[in-house]
Amino acid sequence: MSLVKFSNNYPTIFDRFFDNNFYDWTSENYSTTNTTVPSANIKESAEKFEIHIAAPSFAKDDFKIEVNNNVLTVCSEKKVENETKEGERFTRKEFSYQSFCRSFTLPISADTEKISANYENGILAVDIPKREEAKPKPSKIIEIK
């Protein structure tokens, strides 16, 4: 037995349900503008935390990085408009607008006063050093008296 969609002159809730690609879980179901939030890698070492955000086609000046109440927020907004000169006609003109905002809760061990960032080859690298008291100490031999 197969499922057959029945439709008369009046659409029902079932018609609308089956008209949508409910079982299609590709990225098309997540955004009508086909936009995504950039991926992030977070790495921890003994000295610092590193966040790498993949954001190709952006410029260094497109980013805004802010720390507020131990929350690191990385935002970017980029607008590109194709310029049309006077007297030109066009049948299609495409605008480009990209924006995203990612927030990361920082641990207590992070030193928010010494955060630095670098953008190179499409990767935004944010270095978050650890506080001195949070860094691992070398083992110490205690002398017995």
Protein backbone atom coordinates (compact mmCIF):
# COMPACT_ATOMS: atom_id res chain seq x y z
CA MET A 1 0.00 0.00 0.00
CA SER A 2 1.34 3.42 -0.87
CA LEU A 3 0.58 6.82 0.54
CA VAL A 4 -1.40 8.89 -1.94
CA LYS A 5 -1.95 12.59 -1.48
CA PHE A 6 -5.62 13.45 -1.88
CA SER A 7 -6.63 17.00 -2.64
CA ASN A 8 -9.99 18.44 -3.45
CA ASN A 9 -10.89 22.08 -4.00
CA TYR A 10 -10.21 22.96 -0.36
CA PRO A 11 -6.64 22.45 0.90
CA THR A 12 -6.38 20.74 4.25
CA ILE A 13 -3.72 20.72 6.90
CA PHE A 14 -2.59 17.35 5.52
CA ASP A 15 -2.10 18.83 2.06
CA ARG A 16 0.10 21.53 3.46
CA PHE A 17 2.02 19.02 5.55
CA PHE A 18 2.77 16.82 2.54
CA ASP A 19 3.48 19.78 0.22
CA ASN A 20 6.46 20.74 2.38
CA ASN A 21 9.54 18.63 2.03
CA PHE A 22 9.22 17.48 5.60
CA TYR A 23 11.53 14.52 5.18
CA ASP A 24 14.19 16.52 3.33
CA TRP A 25 16.69 17.45 6.07
CA THR A 26 19.22 19.22 3.88
CA SER A 27 20.28 22.77 4.66
CA GLU A 28 17.33 24.12 2.70
CA ASN A 29 15.07 23.47 5.69
CA TYR A 30 17.16 25.63 7.99
CA SER A 31 17.27 28.98 6.20
CA THR A 32 15.32 30.47 3.34
CA THR A 33 18.26 32.77 2.56
CA ASN A 34 20.70 29.85 2.45
CA THR A 35 22.96 31.46 5.07
CA THR A 36 25.02 29.67 7.65
CA VAL A 37 26.90 30.47 10.81
CA PRO A 38 30.65 29.94 10.40
CA SER A 39 32.15 26.87 12.03
CA ALA A 40 34.41 27.27 15.03
CA ASN A 41 37.20 25.13 16.46
CA ILE A 42 38.09 25.58 20.13
CA LYS A 43 41.42 24.34 21.44
CA GLU A 44 42.81 24.42 24.96
CA SER A 45 46.46 24.21 25.96
CA ALA A 46 48.20 24.73 29.28
CA GLU A 47 48.78 28.41 28.46
CA LYS A 48 45.66 29.52 26.57
CA PHE A 49 42.41 28.85 24.74
CA GLU A 50 42.21 29.31 20.97
CA ILE A 51 39.07 29.87 18.93
CA HIS A 52 39.38 29.57 15.14
CA ILE A 53 36.39 30.72 13.11
CA ALA A 54 36.19 29.88 9.40
CA ALA A 55 35.03 33.10 7.70
CA PRO A 56 36.41 33.32 4.17
CA SER A 57 35.70 36.35 1.96
CA PHE A 58 35.58 38.70 4.95
CA ALA A 59 38.05 41.48 5.69
CA LYS A 60 39.72 42.19 9.02
CA ASP A 61 37.61 45.34 9.42
CA ASP A 62 34.34 43.40 9.01
CA PHE A 63 34.67 41.81 12.48
CA LYS A 64 33.64 43.12 15.88
CA ILE A 65 34.90 41.19 18.93
CA GLU A 66 33.56 42.04 22.37
CA VAL A 67 33.81 40.61 25.90
CA ASN A 68 31.02 41.31 28.37
CA ASN A 69 30.46 39.40 31.64
CA ASN A 70 32.76 36.52 30.58
CA VAL A 71 30.95 36.10 27.25
CA LEU A 72 33.04 36.54 24.12
CA THR A 73 30.96 37.67 21.13
CA VAL A 74 32.25 37.66 17.56
CA CYS A 75 30.05 39.47 15.05
CA SER A 76 30.51 40.40 11.42
CA GLU A 77 28.52 42.29 8.85
CA LYS A 78 29.42 42.68 5.21
CA LYS A 79 27.47 44.45 2.49
CA VAL A 80 28.43 44.44 -1.18
CA GLU A 81 26.51 46.35 -3.78
CA ASN A 82 27.33 46.34 -7.46
CA GLU A 83 27.58 49.94 -8.59
CA THR A 84 25.55 51.01 -11.60
CA LYS A 85 26.57 54.11 -13.50
CA GLU A 86 24.13 56.71 -14.75
CA GLY A 87 22.38 55.77 -17.95
CA GLU A 88 23.04 52.04 -17.59
CA ARG A 89 20.23 49.55 -17.74
CA PHE A 90 20.25 46.21 -16.02
CA THR A 91 17.93 43.25 -16.02
CA ARG A 92 19.45 41.70 -12.94
CA LYS A 93 21.42 43.27 -10.12
CA GLU A 94 22.63 41.17 -7.22
CA PHE A 95 23.28 42.45 -3.75
CA SER A 96 25.30 40.56 -1.18
CA TYR A 97 24.72 40.80 2.54
CA GLN A 98 26.41 38.52 5.04
CA SER A 99 26.25 38.72 8.80
CA PHE A 100 26.73 36.42 11.74
CA CYS A 101 27.15 36.58 15.49
CA ARG A 102 28.67 33.84 17.66
CA SER A 103 28.93 33.91 21.45
CA PHE A 104 31.19 31.82 23.67
CA THR A 105 31.01 31.64 27.46
CA LEU A 106 34.52 31.96 28.83
CA PRO A 107 35.70 29.93 31.83
CA ILE A 108 36.83 31.64 35.02
CA SER A 109 40.43 30.73 34.17
CA ALA A 110 40.41 32.99 31.07
CA ASP A 111 42.24 36.31 31.29
CA THR A 112 39.79 38.62 29.50
CA GLU A 113 42.20 41.58 29.66
CA LYS A 114 44.77 39.96 27.34
CA ILE A 115 42.59 38.59 24.52
CA SER A 116 44.03 39.10 21.04
CA ALA A 117 42.79 38.29 17.53
CA ASN A 118 44.28 37.77 14.09
CA TYR A 119 42.61 37.28 10.69
CA GLU A 120 44.57 35.46 8.01
CA ASN A 121 43.65 33.26 5.02
CA GLY A 122 39.94 33.25 5.88
CA ILE A 123 40.44 32.15 9.48
CA LEU A 124 39.76 34.43 12.45
CA ALA A 125 42.00 33.28 15.32
CA VAL A 126 41.15 34.53 18.81
CA ASP A 127 43.73 33.82 21.54
CA ILE A 128 42.50 33.84 25.13
CA PRO A 129 45.35 33.45 27.61
CA LYS A 130 44.76 31.78 30.96
CA ARG A 131 45.23 33.60 34.24
CA GLU A 132 48.56 32.86 35.93
CA GLU A 133 46.88 31.15 38.89
CA ALA A 134 45.02 28.81 36.51
CA LYS A 135 48.12 27.61 34.67
CA PRO A 136 49.52 24.25 35.79
CA LYS A 137 52.43 24.49 38.18
CA PRO A 138 55.44 22.18 37.99
CA SER A 139 55.65 19.54 40.67
CA LYS A 140 57.49 20.55 43.79
CA ILE A 141 59.34 18.26 46.17
CA ILE A 142 58.56 18.97 49.80
CA GLU A 143 61.45 18.47 52.14
CA ILE A 144 60.65 16.69 55.41
CA LYS A 145 62.23 18.32 58.46
